[in-house]
Amino acid sequence: DGRSAWQLQDGKVVKTISLEEAERRVERLGLPMPVRREGKWAAGQR
């Protein structure tokens, strides 16, 4: 639903973080920010 986020380490959940913190970490790590379309996450689009 896009309302919660978690920090992962080697594929395992470490802790819950805020959506804002998740966005900052994505930018810091250089990872792509996922996109939501029509109320759900979109993948396999590019």
PDB file of all heavy atoms in Angstrom:
ATOM      1  N   ASP A   1       0.811  -1.221   0.000  1.00  0.00           N
ATOM      2  CA  ASP A   1       0.000   0.000   0.000  1.00  0.00           C
ATOM      3  C   ASP A   1       0.844   1.270   0.000  1.00  0.00           C
ATOM      4  O   ASP A   1       0.312   2.385  -0.075  1.00  0.00           O
ATOM      5  CB  ASP A   1      -0.971   0.012   1.183  1.00  0.00           C
ATOM      6  CG  ASP A   1      -0.256  -0.104   2.532  1.00  0.00           C
ATOM      7  OD1 ASP A   1       0.998   0.078   2.573  1.00  0.00           O
ATOM      8  OD2 ASP A   1      -0.914  -0.399   3.532  1.00  0.00           O
ATOM      9  N   GLY A   2       2.172   1.115   0.152  1.00  0.00           N
ATOM     10  CA  GLY A   2       3.076   2.261   0.094  1.00  0.00           C
ATOM     11  C   GLY A   2       3.117   3.088   1.349  1.00  0.00           C
ATOM     12  O   GLY A   2       3.655   4.203   1.346  1.00  0.00           O
ATOM     13  N   ARG A   3       2.581   2.581   2.491  1.00  0.00           N
ATOM     14  CA  ARG A   3       2.487   3.369   3.722  1.00  0.00           C
ATOM     15  C   ARG A   3       3.608   3.068   4.713  1.00  0.00           C
ATOM     16  O   ARG A   3       3.785   3.816   5.682  1.00  0.00           O
ATOM     17  CB  ARG A   3       1.144   3.131   4.391  1.00  0.00           C
ATOM     18  CG  ARG A   3      -0.021   3.616   3.539  1.00  0.00           C
ATOM     19  CD  ARG A   3      -1.343   3.334   4.214  1.00  0.00           C
ATOM     20  NE  ARG A   3      -2.472   3.794   3.404  1.00  0.00           N
ATOM     21  CZ  ARG A   3      -3.751   3.654   3.769  1.00  0.00           C
ATOM     22  NH1 ARG A   3      -4.061   3.059   4.925  1.00  0.00           N
ATOM     23  NH2 ARG A   3      -4.708   4.094   2.973  1.00  0.00           N
ATOM     24  N   SER A   4       4.332   1.972   4.498  1.00  0.00           N
ATOM     25  CA  SER A   4       5.386   1.602   5.439  1.00  0.00           C
ATOM     26  C   SER A   4       6.642   1.229   4.683  1.00  0.00           C
ATOM     27  O   SER A   4       6.592   0.799   3.523  1.00  0.00           O
ATOM     28  CB  SER A   4       4.938   0.424   6.323  1.00  0.00           C
ATOM     29  OG  SER A   4       3.771   0.747   7.030  1.00  0.00           O
ATOM     30  N   ALA A   5       7.788   1.356   5.398  1.00  0.00           N
ATOM     31  CA  ALA A   5       9.073   1.025   4.785  1.00  0.00           C
ATOM     32  C   ALA A   5       9.989   0.363   5.805  1.00  0.00           C
ATOM     33  O   ALA A   5       9.882   0.629   7.017  1.00  0.00           O
ATOM     34  CB  ALA A   5       9.732   2.283   4.223  1.00  0.00           C
ATOM     35  N   TRP A   6      10.885  -0.492   5.311  1.00  0.00           N
ATOM     36  CA  TRP A   6      11.833  -1.178   6.185  1.00  0.00           C
ATOM     37  C   TRP A   6      13.258  -1.035   5.614  1.00  0.00           C
ATOM     38  O   TRP A   6      13.463  -0.973   4.403  1.00  0.00           O
ATOM     39  CB  TRP A   6      11.539  -2.680   6.272  1.00  0.00           C
ATOM     40  CG  TRP A   6      10.295  -3.017   7.028  1.00  0.00           C
ATOM     41  CD1 TRP A   6      10.135  -3.172   8.379  1.00  0.00           C
ATOM     42  CD2 TRP A   6       9.014  -3.263   6.462  1.00  0.00           C
ATOM     43  NE1 TRP A   6       8.855  -3.494   8.706  1.00  0.00           N
ATOM     44  CE2 TRP A   6       8.128  -3.560   7.537  1.00  0.00           C
ATOM     45  CE3 TRP A   6       8.488  -3.229   5.154  1.00  0.00           C
ATOM     46  CZ2 TRP A   6       6.780  -3.843   7.348  1.00  0.00           C
ATOM     47  CZ3 TRP A   6       7.167  -3.522   4.971  1.00  0.00           C
ATOM     48  CH2 TRP A   6       6.321  -3.824   6.054  1.00  0.00           C
ATOM     49  N   GLN A   7      14.197  -1.045   6.529  1.00  0.00           N
ATOM     50  CA  GLN A   7      15.598  -1.110   6.137  1.00  0.00           C
ATOM     51  C   GLN A   7      16.001  -2.576   6.066  1.00  0.00           C
ATOM     52  O   GLN A   7      15.660  -3.366   6.948  1.00  0.00           O
ATOM     53  CB  GLN A   7      16.480  -0.374   7.157  1.00  0.00           C
ATOM     54  CG  GLN A   7      17.968  -0.441   6.803  1.00  0.00           C
ATOM     55  CD  GLN A   7      18.838   0.147   7.902  1.00  0.00           C
ATOM     56  OE1 GLN A   7      18.337   0.784   8.845  1.00  0.00           O
ATOM     57  NE2 GLN A   7      20.140  -0.062   7.794  1.00  0.00           N
ATOM     58  N   LEU A   8      16.735  -2.965   4.994  1.00  0.00           N
ATOM     59  CA  LEU A   8      17.179  -4.341   4.805  1.00  0.00           C
ATOM     60  C   LEU A   8      18.700  -4.419   4.882  1.00  0.00           C
ATOM     61  O   LEU A   8      19.403  -3.468   4.537  1.00  0.00           O
ATOM     62  CB  LEU A   8      16.726  -4.878   3.440  1.00  0.00           C
ATOM     63  CG  LEU A   8      15.225  -4.806   3.111  1.00  0.00           C
ATOM     64  CD1 LEU A   8      14.988  -5.295   1.688  1.00  0.00           C
ATOM     65  CD2 LEU A   8      14.423  -5.650   4.102  1.00  0.00           C
ATOM     66  N   GLN A   9      19.189  -5.589   5.300  1.00  0.00           N
ATOM     67  CA  GLN A   9      20.617  -5.885   5.257  1.00  0.00           C
ATOM     68  C   GLN A   9      20.793  -7.313   4.751  1.00  0.00           C
ATOM     69  O   GLN A   9      20.307  -8.257   5.367  1.00  0.00           O
ATOM     70  CB  GLN A   9      21.259  -5.737   6.650  1.00  0.00           C
ATOM     71  CG  GLN A   9      22.773  -5.914   6.661  1.00  0.00           C
ATOM     72  CD  GLN A   9      23.495  -4.810   5.882  1.00  0.00           C
ATOM     73  OE1 GLN A   9      23.093  -3.632   5.929  1.00  0.00           O
ATOM     74  NE2 GLN A   9      24.528  -5.181   5.150  1.00  0.00           N
ATOM     75  N   ASP A  10      21.473  -7.442   3.591  1.00  0.00           N
ATOM     76  CA  ASP A  10      21.659  -8.745   2.929  1.00  0.00           C
ATOM     77  C   ASP A  10      20.319  -9.445   2.702  1.00  0.00           C
ATOM     78  O   ASP A  10      20.192 -10.673   2.833  1.00  0.00           O
ATOM     79  CB  ASP A  10      22.571  -9.645   3.753  1.00  0.00           C
ATOM     80  CG  ASP A  10      23.982  -9.080   3.870  1.00  0.00           C
ATOM     81  OD1 ASP A  10      24.383  -8.303   2.971  1.00  0.00           O
ATOM     82  OD2 ASP A  10      24.672  -9.406   4.854  1.00  0.00           O
ATOM     83  N   GLY A  11      19.295  -8.628   2.380  1.00  0.00           N
ATOM     84  CA  GLY A  11      17.985  -9.162   2.043  1.00  0.00           C
ATOM     85  C   GLY A  11      17.069  -9.414   3.216  1.00  0.00           C
ATOM     86  O   GLY A  11      15.924  -9.838   3.019  1.00  0.00           O
ATOM     87  N   LYS A  12      17.530  -9.150   4.426  1.00  0.00           N
ATOM     88  CA  LYS A  12      16.711  -9.395   5.625  1.00  0.00           C
ATOM     89  C   LYS A  12      16.293  -8.069   6.272  1.00  0.00           C
ATOM     90  O   LYS A  12      17.056  -7.103   6.264  1.00  0.00           O
ATOM     91  CB  LYS A  12      17.495 -10.235   6.630  1.00  0.00           C
ATOM     92  CG  LYS A  12      17.824 -11.635   6.106  1.00  0.00           C
ATOM     93  CD  LYS A  12      18.622 -12.424   7.133  1.00  0.00           C
ATOM     94  CE  LYS A  12      18.971 -13.808   6.607  1.00  0.00           C
ATOM     95  NZ  LYS A  12      19.754 -14.599   7.601  1.00  0.00           N
ATOM     96  N   VAL A  13      15.058  -8.071   6.872  1.00  0.00           N
ATOM     97  CA  VAL A  13      14.534  -6.863   7.505  1.00  0.00           C
ATOM     98  C   VAL A  13      15.329  -6.557   8.767  1.00  0.00           C
ATOM     99  O   VAL A  13      15.540  -7.423   9.622  1.00  0.00           O
ATOM    100  CB  VAL A  13      13.046  -7.028   7.853  1.00  0.00           C
ATOM    101  CG1 VAL A  13      12.540  -5.805   8.640  1.00  0.00           C
ATOM    102  CG2 VAL A  13      12.224  -7.215   6.583  1.00  0.00           C
ATOM    103  N   VAL A  14      15.769  -5.278   8.879  1.00  0.00           N
ATOM    104  CA  VAL A  14      16.516  -4.834  10.057  1.00  0.00           C
ATOM    105  C   VAL A  14      15.607  -4.026  10.991  1.00  0.00           C
ATOM    106  O   VAL A  14      15.513  -4.307  12.187  1.00  0.00           O
ATOM    107  CB  VAL A  14      17.738  -3.983   9.656  1.00  0.00           C
ATOM    108  CG1 VAL A  14      18.450  -3.417  10.889  1.00  0.00           C
ATOM    109  CG2 VAL A  14      18.696  -4.806   8.815  1.00  0.00           C
ATOM    110  N   LYS A  15      14.920  -3.041  10.413  1.00  0.00           N
ATOM    111  CA  LYS A  15      14.033  -2.203  11.226  1.00  0.00           C
ATOM    112  C   LYS A  15      13.074  -1.443  10.330  1.00  0.00           C
ATOM    113  O   LYS A  15      13.293  -1.300   9.133  1.00  0.00           O
ATOM    114  CB  LYS A  15      14.837  -1.232  12.073  1.00  0.00           C
ATOM    115  CG  LYS A  15      15.665  -0.244  11.266  1.00  0.00           C
ATOM    116  CD  LYS A  15      16.443   0.696  12.182  1.00  0.00           C
ATOM    117  CE  LYS A  15      17.282   1.685  11.371  1.00  0.00           C
ATOM    118  NZ  LYS A  15      18.038   2.607  12.246  1.00  0.00           N
ATOM    119  N   THR A  16      12.036  -0.918  10.968  1.00  0.00           N
ATOM    120  CA  THR A  16      11.072  -0.079  10.273  1.00  0.00           C
ATOM    121  C   THR A  16      11.596   1.347  10.262  1.00  0.00           C
ATOM    122  O   THR A  16      12.141   1.833  11.266  1.00  0.00           O
ATOM    123  CB  THR A  16       9.707  -0.114  10.965  1.00  0.00           C
ATOM    124  OG1 THR A  16       9.252  -1.474  11.030  1.00  0.00           O
ATOM    125  CG2 THR A  16       8.691   0.736  10.215  1.00  0.00           C
ATOM    126  N   ILE A  17      11.423   2.011   9.102  1.00  0.00           N
ATOM    127  CA  ILE A  17      11.843   3.403   8.979  1.00  0.00           C
ATOM    128  C   ILE A  17      10.717   4.192   8.339  1.00  0.00           C
ATOM    129  O   ILE A  17       9.785   3.624   7.745  1.00  0.00           O
ATOM    130  CB  ILE A  17      13.137   3.554   8.141  1.00  0.00           C
ATOM    131  CG1 ILE A  17      12.929   2.960   6.743  1.00  0.00           C
ATOM    132  CG2 ILE A  17      14.326   2.910   8.852  1.00  0.00           C
ATOM    133  CD1 ILE A  17      14.123   3.164   5.823  1.00  0.00           C
ATOM    134  N   SER A  18      10.794   5.521   8.459  1.00  0.00           N
ATOM    135  CA  SER A  18       9.763   6.380   7.880  1.00  0.00           C
ATOM    136  C   SER A  18       9.908   6.415   6.361  1.00  0.00           C
ATOM    137  O   SER A  18      10.975   6.092   5.816  1.00  0.00           O
ATOM    138  CB  SER A  18       9.868   7.796   8.442  1.00  0.00           C
ATOM    139  OG  SER A  18      11.092   8.397   8.001  1.00  0.00           O
ATOM    140  N   LEU A  19       8.845   6.837   5.690  1.00  0.00           N
ATOM    141  CA  LEU A  19       8.896   6.952   4.233  1.00  0.00           C
ATOM    142  C   LEU A  19       9.924   7.996   3.810  1.00  0.00           C
ATOM    143  O   LEU A  19      10.604   7.815   2.796  1.00  0.00           O
ATOM    144  CB  LEU A  19       7.511   7.317   3.692  1.00  0.00           C
ATOM    145  CG  LEU A  19       6.403   6.281   3.926  1.00  0.00           C
ATOM    146  CD1 LEU A  19       5.065   6.800   3.392  1.00  0.00           C
ATOM    147  CD2 LEU A  19       6.744   4.960   3.269  1.00  0.00           C
ATOM    148  N   GLU A  20      10.025   9.073   4.596  1.00  0.00           N
ATOM    149  CA  GLU A  20      11.002  10.101   4.268  1.00  0.00           C
ATOM    150  C   GLU A  20      12.424   9.551   4.387  1.00  0.00           C
ATOM    151  O   GLU A  20      13.297   9.821   3.556  1.00  0.00           O
ATOM    152  CB  GLU A  20      10.829  11.318   5.181  1.00  0.00           C
ATOM    153  CG  GLU A  20       9.545  12.100   4.961  1.00  0.00           C
ATOM    154  CD  GLU A  20       8.337  11.412   5.615  1.00  0.00           C
ATOM    155  OE1 GLU A  20       8.538  10.409   6.359  1.00  0.00           O
ATOM    156  OE2 GLU A  20       7.203  11.866   5.365  1.00  0.00           O
ATOM    157  N   GLU A  21      12.658   8.793   5.480  1.00  0.00           N
ATOM    158  CA  GLU A  21      13.982   8.198   5.679  1.00  0.00           C
ATOM    159  C   GLU A  21      14.296   7.192   4.554  1.00  0.00           C
ATOM    160  O   GLU A  21      15.431   7.114   4.080  1.00  0.00           O
ATOM    161  CB  GLU A  21      14.051   7.510   7.036  1.00  0.00           C
ATOM    162  CG  GLU A  21      15.373   6.817   7.333  1.00  0.00           C
ATOM    163  CD  GLU A  21      16.543   7.772   7.436  1.00  0.00           C
ATOM    164  OE1 GLU A  21      16.331   8.994   7.591  1.00  0.00           O
ATOM    165  OE2 GLU A  21      17.705   7.286   7.331  1.00  0.00           O
ATOM    166  N   ALA A  22      13.295   6.464   4.125  1.00  0.00           N
ATOM    167  CA  ALA A  22      13.482   5.500   3.037  1.00  0.00           C
ATOM    168  C   ALA A  22      13.918   6.210   1.750  1.00  0.00           C
ATOM    169  O   ALA A  22      14.819   5.749   1.039  1.00  0.00           O
ATOM    170  CB  ALA A  22      12.196   4.718   2.812  1.00  0.00           C
ATOM    171  N   GLU A  23      13.295   7.344   1.470  1.00  0.00           N
ATOM    172  CA  GLU A  23      13.662   8.093   0.263  1.00  0.00           C
ATOM    173  C   GLU A  23      15.092   8.625   0.349  1.00  0.00           C
ATOM    174  O   GLU A  23      15.829   8.620  -0.637  1.00  0.00           O
ATOM    175  CB  GLU A  23      12.672   9.250   0.065  1.00  0.00           C
ATOM    176  CG  GLU A  23      11.295   8.785  -0.367  1.00  0.00           C
ATOM    177  CD  GLU A  23      10.359   9.951  -0.655  1.00  0.00           C
ATOM    178  OE1 GLU A  23      10.865  11.115  -0.700  1.00  0.00           O
ATOM    179  OE2 GLU A  23       9.156   9.728  -0.823  1.00  0.00           O
ATOM    180  N   ARG A  24      15.476   9.115   1.584  1.00  0.00           N
ATOM    181  CA  ARG A  24      16.836   9.616   1.744  1.00  0.00           C
ATOM    182  C   ARG A  24      17.873   8.500   1.548  1.00  0.00           C
ATOM    183  O   ARG A  24      18.919   8.688   0.924  1.00  0.00           O
ATOM    184  CB  ARG A  24      16.994  10.262   3.119  1.00  0.00           C
ATOM    185  CG  ARG A  24      16.324  11.623   3.230  1.00  0.00           C
ATOM    186  CD  ARG A  24      16.797  12.363   4.464  1.00  0.00           C
ATOM    187  NE  ARG A  24      16.414  11.674   5.695  1.00  0.00           N
ATOM    188  CZ  ARG A  24      15.256  11.904   6.347  1.00  0.00           C
ATOM    189  NH1 ARG A  24      14.393  12.793   5.885  1.00  0.00           N
ATOM    190  NH2 ARG A  24      14.984  11.254   7.461  1.00  0.00           N
ATOM    191  N   ARG A  25      17.563   7.320   2.092  1.00  0.00           N
ATOM    192  CA  ARG A  25      18.493   6.201   1.974  1.00  0.00           C
ATOM    193  C   ARG A  25      18.623   5.732   0.510  1.00  0.00           C
ATOM    194  O   ARG A  25      19.704   5.374   0.045  1.00  0.00           O
ATOM    195  CB  ARG A  25      18.043   5.037   2.862  1.00  0.00           C
ATOM    196  CG  ARG A  25      18.284   5.288   4.336  1.00  0.00           C
ATOM    197  CD  ARG A  25      17.759   4.139   5.190  1.00  0.00           C
ATOM    198  NE  ARG A  25      18.025   4.363   6.592  1.00  0.00           N
ATOM    199  CZ  ARG A  25      19.115   3.966   7.242  1.00  0.00           C
ATOM    200  NH1 ARG A  25      20.065   3.313   6.587  1.00  0.00           N
ATOM    201  NH2 ARG A  25      19.274   4.216   8.541  1.00  0.00           N
ATOM    202  N   VAL A  26      17.526   5.721  -0.214  1.00  0.00           N
ATOM    203  CA  VAL A  26      17.556   5.348  -1.633  1.00  0.00           C
ATOM    204  C   VAL A  26      18.479   6.283  -2.405  1.00  0.00           C
ATOM    205  O   VAL A  26      19.311   5.848  -3.217  1.00  0.00           O
ATOM    206  CB  VAL A  26      16.134   5.376  -2.238  1.00  0.00           C
ATOM    207  CG1 VAL A  26      16.200   5.359  -3.755  1.00  0.00           C
ATOM    208  CG2 VAL A  26      15.327   4.201  -1.735  1.00  0.00           C
ATOM    209  N   GLU A  27      18.330   7.576  -2.129  1.00  0.00           N
ATOM    210  CA  GLU A  27      19.158   8.549  -2.833  1.00  0.00           C
ATOM    211  C   GLU A  27      20.623   8.392  -2.446  1.00  0.00           C
ATOM    212  O   GLU A  27      21.516   8.475  -3.311  1.00  0.00           O
ATOM    213  CB  GLU A  27      18.672   9.954  -2.499  1.00  0.00           C
ATOM    214  CG  GLU A  27      19.384  11.042  -3.268  1.00  0.00           C
ATOM    215  CD  GLU A  27      18.815  12.414  -2.989  1.00  0.00           C
ATOM    216  OE1 GLU A  27      17.803  12.503  -2.248  1.00  0.00           O
ATOM    217  OE2 GLU A  27      19.377  13.410  -3.507  1.00  0.00           O
ATOM    218  N   ARG A  28      20.885   8.160  -1.140  1.00  0.00           N
ATOM    219  CA  ARG A  28      22.264   8.022  -0.690  1.00  0.00           C
ATOM    220  C   ARG A  28      22.928   6.773  -1.276  1.00  0.00           C
ATOM    221  O   ARG A  28      24.105   6.802  -1.660  1.00  0.00           O
ATOM    222  CB  ARG A  28      22.300   7.953   0.844  1.00  0.00           C
ATOM    223  CG  ARG A  28      23.702   7.744   1.417  1.00  0.00           C
ATOM    224  CD  ARG A  28      23.675   7.832   2.930  1.00  0.00           C
ATOM    225  NE  ARG A  28      22.774   6.868   3.514  1.00  0.00           N
ATOM    226  CZ  ARG A  28      23.096   5.581   3.741  1.00  0.00           C
ATOM    227  NH1 ARG A  28      24.293   5.128   3.404  1.00  0.00           N
ATOM    228  NH2 ARG A  28      22.218   4.762   4.288  1.00  0.00           N
ATOM    229  N   LEU A  29      22.194   5.699  -1.376  1.00  0.00           N
ATOM    230  CA  LEU A  29      22.749   4.441  -1.892  1.00  0.00           C
ATOM    231  C   LEU A  29      22.830   4.407  -3.417  1.00  0.00           C
ATOM    232  O   LEU A  29      23.495   3.538  -3.986  1.00  0.00           O
ATOM    233  CB  LEU A  29      21.897   3.264  -1.408  1.00  0.00           C
ATOM    234  CG  LEU A  29      21.915   3.012   0.110  1.00  0.00           C
ATOM    235  CD1 LEU A  29      20.864   1.976   0.477  1.00  0.00           C
ATOM    236  CD2 LEU A  29      23.296   2.561   0.556  1.00  0.00           C
ATOM    237  N   GLY A  30      22.153   5.336  -4.075  1.00  0.00           N
ATOM    238  CA  GLY A  30      22.155   5.349  -5.540  1.00  0.00           C
ATOM    239  C   GLY A  30      21.260   4.287  -6.137  1.00  0.00           C
ATOM    240  O   GLY A  30      21.446   3.882  -7.297  1.00  0.00           O
ATOM    241  N   LEU A  31      20.251   3.859  -5.365  1.00  0.00           N
ATOM    242  CA  LEU A  31      19.302   2.865  -5.846  1.00  0.00           C
ATOM    243  C   LEU A  31      18.118   3.549  -6.525  1.00  0.00           C
ATOM    244  O   LEU A  31      17.813   4.712  -6.225  1.00  0.00           O
ATOM    245  CB  LEU A  31      18.812   1.996  -4.689  1.00  0.00           C
ATOM    246  CG  LEU A  31      19.851   1.045  -4.083  1.00  0.00           C
ATOM    247  CD1 LEU A  31      19.359   0.484  -2.760  1.00  0.00           C
ATOM    248  CD2 LEU A  31      20.160  -0.080  -5.060  1.00  0.00           C
ATOM    249  N   PRO A  32      17.426   2.853  -7.429  1.00  0.00           N
ATOM    250  CA  PRO A  32      16.256   3.458  -8.078  1.00  0.00           C
ATOM    251  C   PRO A  32      15.055   3.523  -7.129  1.00  0.00           C
ATOM    252  O   PRO A  32      14.799   2.585  -6.374  1.00  0.00           O
ATOM    253  CB  PRO A  32      15.989   2.516  -9.251  1.00  0.00           C
ATOM    254  CG  PRO A  32      16.510   1.194  -8.793  1.00  0.00           C
ATOM    255  CD  PRO A  32      17.704   1.488  -7.948  1.00  0.00           C
ATOM    256  N   MET A  33      14.364   4.627  -7.170  1.00  0.00           N
ATOM    257  CA  MET A  33      13.147   4.777  -6.365  1.00  0.00           C
ATOM    258  C   MET A  33      11.986   4.127  -7.101  1.00  0.00           C
ATOM    259  O   MET A  33      11.714   4.436  -8.258  1.00  0.00           O
ATOM    260  CB  MET A  33      12.850   6.255  -6.130  1.00  0.00           C
ATOM    261  CG  MET A  33      11.636   6.523  -5.263  1.00  0.00           C
ATOM    262  SD  MET A  33      11.904   5.950  -3.566  1.00  0.00           S
ATOM    263  CE  MET A  33      10.209   6.086  -2.924  1.00  0.00           C
ATOM    264  N   PRO A  34      11.302   3.156  -6.460  1.00  0.00           N
ATOM    265  CA  PRO A  34      10.190   2.498  -7.153  1.00  0.00           C
ATOM    266  C   PRO A  34       9.056   3.468  -7.455  1.00  0.00           C
ATOM    267  O   PRO A  34       8.895   4.495  -6.791  1.00  0.00           O
ATOM    268  CB  PRO A  34       9.754   1.413  -6.150  1.00  0.00           C
ATOM    269  CG  PRO A  34      10.237   1.888  -4.829  1.00  0.00           C
ATOM    270  CD  PRO A  34      11.479   2.659  -5.088  1.00  0.00           C
ATOM    271  N   VAL A  35       8.271   3.114  -8.466  1.00  0.00           N
ATOM    272  CA  VAL A  35       7.193   3.976  -8.950  1.00  0.00           C
ATOM    273  C   VAL A  35       5.852   3.301  -8.693  1.00  0.00           C
ATOM    274  O   VAL A  35       5.706   2.087  -8.898  1.00  0.00           O
ATOM    275  CB  VAL A  35       7.374   4.257 -10.460  1.00  0.00           C
ATOM    276  CG1 VAL A  35       6.230   5.141 -10.973  1.00  0.00           C
ATOM    277  CG2 VAL A  35       8.717   4.919 -10.721  1.00  0.00           C
ATOM    278  N   ARG A  36       4.874   4.125  -8.266  1.00  0.00           N
ATOM    279  CA  ARG A  36       3.529   3.598  -8.058  1.00  0.00           C
ATOM    280  C   ARG A  36       2.638   4.060  -9.204  1.00  0.00           C
ATOM    281  O   ARG A  36       2.679   5.220  -9.621  1.00  0.00           O
ATOM    282  CB  ARG A  36       2.951   4.081  -6.730  1.00  0.00           C
ATOM    283  CG  ARG A  36       3.664   3.489  -5.525  1.00  0.00           C
ATOM    284  CD  ARG A  36       2.981   3.939  -4.231  1.00  0.00           C
ATOM    285  NE  ARG A  36       1.615   3.440  -4.090  1.00  0.00           N
ATOM    286  CZ  ARG A  36       1.303   2.226  -3.654  1.00  0.00           C
ATOM    287  NH1 ARG A  36       2.272   1.358  -3.334  1.00  0.00           N
ATOM    288  NH2 ARG A  36       0.033   1.865  -3.533  1.00  0.00           N
ATOM    289  N   ARG A  37       1.833   3.131  -9.690  1.00  0.00           N
ATOM    290  CA  ARG A  37       0.873   3.443 -10.747  1.00  0.00           C
ATOM    291  C   ARG A  37      -0.461   2.809 -10.378  1.00  0.00           C
ATOM    292  O   ARG A  37      -0.510   1.611 -10.056  1.00  0.00           O
ATOM    293  CB  ARG A  37       1.347   2.913 -12.108  1.00  0.00           C
ATOM    294  CG  ARG A  37       2.539   3.658 -12.688  1.00  0.00           C
ATOM    295  CD  ARG A  37       2.739   3.275 -14.148  1.00  0.00           C
ATOM    296  NE  ARG A  37       3.856   4.001 -14.751  1.00  0.00           N
ATOM    297  CZ  ARG A  37       5.098   3.546 -14.815  1.00  0.00           C
ATOM    298  NH1 ARG A  37       5.388   2.355 -14.296  1.00  0.00           N
ATOM    299  NH2 ARG A  37       6.050   4.266 -15.367  1.00  0.00           N
ATOM    300  N   GLU A  38      -1.502   3.629 -10.449  1.00  0.00           N
ATOM    301  CA  GLU A  38      -2.858   3.171 -10.161  1.00  0.00           C
ATOM    302  C   GLU A  38      -2.944   2.493  -8.808  1.00  0.00           C
ATOM    303  O   GLU A  38      -3.567   1.433  -8.641  1.00  0.00           O
ATOM    304  CB  GLU A  38      -3.358   2.230 -11.267  1.00  0.00           C
ATOM    305  CG  GLU A  38      -3.409   2.908 -12.622  1.00  0.00           C
ATOM    306  CD  GLU A  38      -3.845   1.943 -13.721  1.00  0.00           C
ATOM    307  OE1 GLU A  38      -4.033   0.744 -13.413  1.00  0.00           O
ATOM    308  OE2 GLU A  38      -3.981   2.385 -14.861  1.00  0.00           O
ATOM    309  N   GLY A  39      -2.278   3.084  -7.846  1.00  0.00           N
ATOM    310  CA  GLY A  39      -2.387   2.620  -6.466  1.00  0.00           C
ATOM    311  C   GLY A  39      -1.547   1.406  -6.126  1.00  0.00           C
ATOM    312  O   GLY A  39      -1.741   0.814  -5.048  1.00  0.00           O
ATOM    313  N   LYS A  40      -0.609   1.019  -6.976  1.00  0.00           N
ATOM    314  CA  LYS A  40       0.253  -0.114  -6.656  1.00  0.00           C
ATOM    315  C   LYS A  40       1.633   0.090  -7.276  1.00  0.00           C
ATOM    316  O   LYS A  40       1.805   0.902  -8.176  1.00  0.00           O
ATOM    317  CB  LYS A  40      -0.365  -1.419  -7.132  1.00  0.00           C
ATOM    318  CG  LYS A  40      -0.659  -1.464  -8.612  1.00  0.00           C
ATOM    319  CD  LYS A  40      -1.348  -2.774  -8.983  1.00  0.00           C
ATOM    320  CE  LYS A  40      -1.665  -2.824 -10.485  1.00  0.00           C
ATOM    321  NZ  LYS A  40      -2.350  -4.091 -10.849  1.00  0.00           N
ATOM    322  N   TRP A  41       2.574  -0.673  -6.723  1.00  0.00           N
ATOM    323  CA  TRP A  41       3.946  -0.543  -7.227  1.00  0.00           C
ATOM    324  C   TRP A  41       4.050  -1.126  -8.629  1.00  0.00           C
ATOM    325  O   TRP A  41       3.460  -2.150  -8.943  1.00  0.00           O
ATOM    326  CB  TRP A  41       4.937  -1.264  -6.309  1.00  0.00           C
ATOM    327  CG  TRP A  41       5.011  -0.680  -4.928  1.00  0.00           C
ATOM    328  CD1 TRP A  41       4.570  -1.258  -3.768  1.00  0.00           C
ATOM    329  CD2 TRP A  41       5.553   0.581  -4.577  1.00  0.00           C
ATOM    330  NE1 TRP A  41       4.790  -0.451  -2.705  1.00  0.00           N
ATOM    331  CE2 TRP A  41       5.399   0.709  -3.174  1.00  0.00           C
ATOM    332  CE3 TRP A  41       6.123   1.640  -5.277  1.00  0.00           C
ATOM    333  CZ2 TRP A  41       5.804   1.835  -2.469  1.00  0.00           C
ATOM    334  CZ3 TRP A  41       6.540   2.750  -4.574  1.00  0.00           C
ATOM    335  CH2 TRP A  41       6.394   2.859  -3.197  1.00  0.00           C
ATOM    336  N   ALA A  42       4.841  -0.433  -9.443  1.00  0.00           N
ATOM    337  CA  ALA A  42       5.023  -0.881 -10.829  1.00  0.00           C
ATOM    338  C   ALA A  42       6.433  -1.423 -10.996  1.00  0.00           C
ATOM    339  O   ALA A  42       7.408  -0.832 -10.507  1.00  0.00           O
ATOM    340  CB  ALA A  42       4.790   0.280 -11.794  1.00  0.00           C
ATOM    341  N   ALA A  43       6.539  -2.552 -11.660  1.00  0.00           N
ATOM    342  CA  ALA A  43       7.851  -3.149 -11.976  1.00  0.00           C
ATOM    343  C   ALA A  43       7.739  -3.831 -13.328  1.00  0.00           C
ATOM    344  O   ALA A  43       6.655  -4.190 -13.786  1.00  0.00           O
ATOM    345  CB  ALA A  43       8.278  -4.147 -10.911  1.00  0.00           C
ATOM    346  N   GLY A  44       8.863  -4.012 -13.951  1.00  0.00           N
ATOM    347  CA  GLY A  44       8.855  -4.642 -15.268  1.00  0.00           C
ATOM    348  C   GLY A  44       8.396  -3.712 -16.355  1.00  0.00           C
ATOM    349  O   GLY A  44       7.922  -4.135 -17.411  1.00  0.00           O
ATOM    350  N   GLN A  45       8.552  -2.399 -16.105  1.00  0.00           N
ATOM    351  CA  GLN A  45       8.108  -1.416 -17.085  1.00  0.00           C
ATOM    352  C   GLN A  45       9.240  -0.951 -18.007  1.00  0.00           C
ATOM    353  O   GLN A  45       9.001  -0.381 -19.043  1.00  0.00           O
ATOM    354  CB  GLN A  45       7.529  -0.199 -16.365  1.00  0.00           C
ATOM    355  CG  GLN A  45       6.392  -0.548 -15.416  1.00  0.00           C
ATOM    356  CD  GLN A  45       5.204  -1.151 -16.130  1.00  0.00           C
ATOM    357  OE1 GLN A  45       4.765  -0.632 -17.159  1.00  0.00           O
ATOM    358  NE2 GLN A  45       4.678  -2.242 -15.607  1.00  0.00           N
ATOM    359  N   ARG A  46      10.483  -1.166 -17.584  1.00  0.00           N
ATOM    360  CA  ARG A  46      11.608  -0.674 -18.390  1.00  0.00           C
ATOM    361  C   ARG A  46      12.720  -1.720 -18.409  1.00  0.00           C
ATOM    362  O   ARG A  46      12.966  -2.394 -17.418  1.00  0.00           O
ATOM    363  CB  ARG A  46      12.126   0.647 -17.825  1.00  0.00           C
ATOM    364  CG  ARG A  46      12.533   0.575 -16.369  1.00  0.00           C
ATOM    365  CD  ARG A  46      12.831   1.977 -15.810  1.00  0.00           C
ATOM    366  NE  ARG A  46      13.364   1.900 -14.455  1.00  0.00           N
ATOM    367  CZ  ARG A  46      12.623   1.796 -13.373  1.00  0.00           C
ATOM    368  NH1 ARG A  46      11.295   1.735 -13.491  1.00  0.00           N
ATOM    369  NH2 ARG A  46      13.170   1.753 -12.177  1.00  0.00           N
TER     370      ARG A  46
END
